[in-house]
Amino acid sequence: MSVRQLRDNLGRRVEAAHLTGEHTIVEKYGETQAVLVPYTWWAGQQERSGQGTLAP
C-alpha cells in the first residue's frame, strides 16, 4: 500500500491490524518503507528478542 493510500485509510488499516491481525506493508515511490502490524504481534516479537515492550 502506498503512503498516500495508507493516509487515506489509516483508521481502517489500524482497525484491521487490531481486529483481524492483518499486516500492512507500506511503500513510498515503489520501495518498501514500513509495516503496520498488530500491537500484540509486535509485543510478542519484542519479548522473544529480549527487548521487552513499551506500554500501549
Protein backbone atom coordinates (compact mmCIF):
# COMPACT_ATOMS: atom_id res chain seq x y z
CA MET A 1 0.00 0.00 0.00
CA SER A 2 1.36 3.41 -0.85
CA VAL A 3 1.85 6.09 1.80
CA ARG A 4 -0.94 8.08 0.14
CA GLN A 5 -3.33 5.10 0.31
CA LEU A 6 -2.39 4.49 3.93
CA ARG A 7 -3.02 8.12 4.82
CA ASP A 8 -6.48 7.91 3.24
CA ASN A 9 -7.28 4.62 5.01
CA LEU A 10 -5.29 4.77 8.24
CA GLY A 11 -8.22 4.24 10.59
CA ARG A 12 -9.39 1.19 8.65
CA ARG A 13 -5.88 -0.27 8.44
CA VAL A 14 -5.30 0.17 12.19
CA GLU A 15 -8.65 -1.48 12.87
CA ALA A 16 -7.79 -4.37 10.53
CA ALA A 17 -4.47 -4.85 12.31
CA HIS A 18 -6.10 -4.82 15.72
CA LEU A 19 -9.24 -6.87 14.98
CA THR A 20 -8.01 -9.37 12.38
CA GLY A 21 -4.22 -9.37 12.82
CA GLU A 22 -3.68 -8.10 9.29
CA HIS A 23 -0.27 -6.62 8.46
CA THR A 24 0.04 -3.72 6.00
CA ILE A 25 3.24 -3.19 4.02
CA VAL A 26 3.79 0.50 3.27
CA GLU A 27 5.64 1.64 0.16
CA LYS A 28 6.89 5.01 -0.98
CA TYR A 29 7.99 5.51 -4.58
CA GLY A 30 7.69 1.74 -5.06
CA GLU A 31 10.13 0.94 -2.24
CA THR A 32 9.08 -0.81 0.97
CA GLN A 33 9.36 1.65 3.86
CA ALA A 34 7.47 0.20 6.84
CA VAL A 35 4.96 -2.37 8.06
CA LEU A 36 1.87 -1.68 10.16
CA VAL A 37 1.40 -4.70 12.44
CA PRO A 38 -0.89 -5.57 15.34
CA TYR A 39 0.49 -4.41 18.70
CA THR A 40 0.16 -7.92 20.15
CA TRP A 41 2.32 -9.33 17.34
CA TRP A 42 4.95 -6.62 17.81
CA ALA A 43 4.96 -7.06 21.60
CA GLY A 44 5.47 -10.80 21.17
CA GLN A 45 8.42 -10.18 18.86
CA GLN A 46 9.94 -7.81 21.40
CA GLU A 47 9.52 -10.35 24.20
CA ARG A 48 11.11 -13.13 22.13
CA SER A 49 14.08 -10.94 21.27
CA GLY A 50 14.56 -9.96 24.92
CA GLN A 51 13.91 -6.28 24.25
CA GLY A 52 10.76 -6.03 26.36
CA THR A 53 7.74 -3.97 25.36
CA LEU A 54 6.51 -0.44 25.69
CA ALA A 55 3.20 0.17 27.45
CA PRO A 56 0.43 0.96 24.94
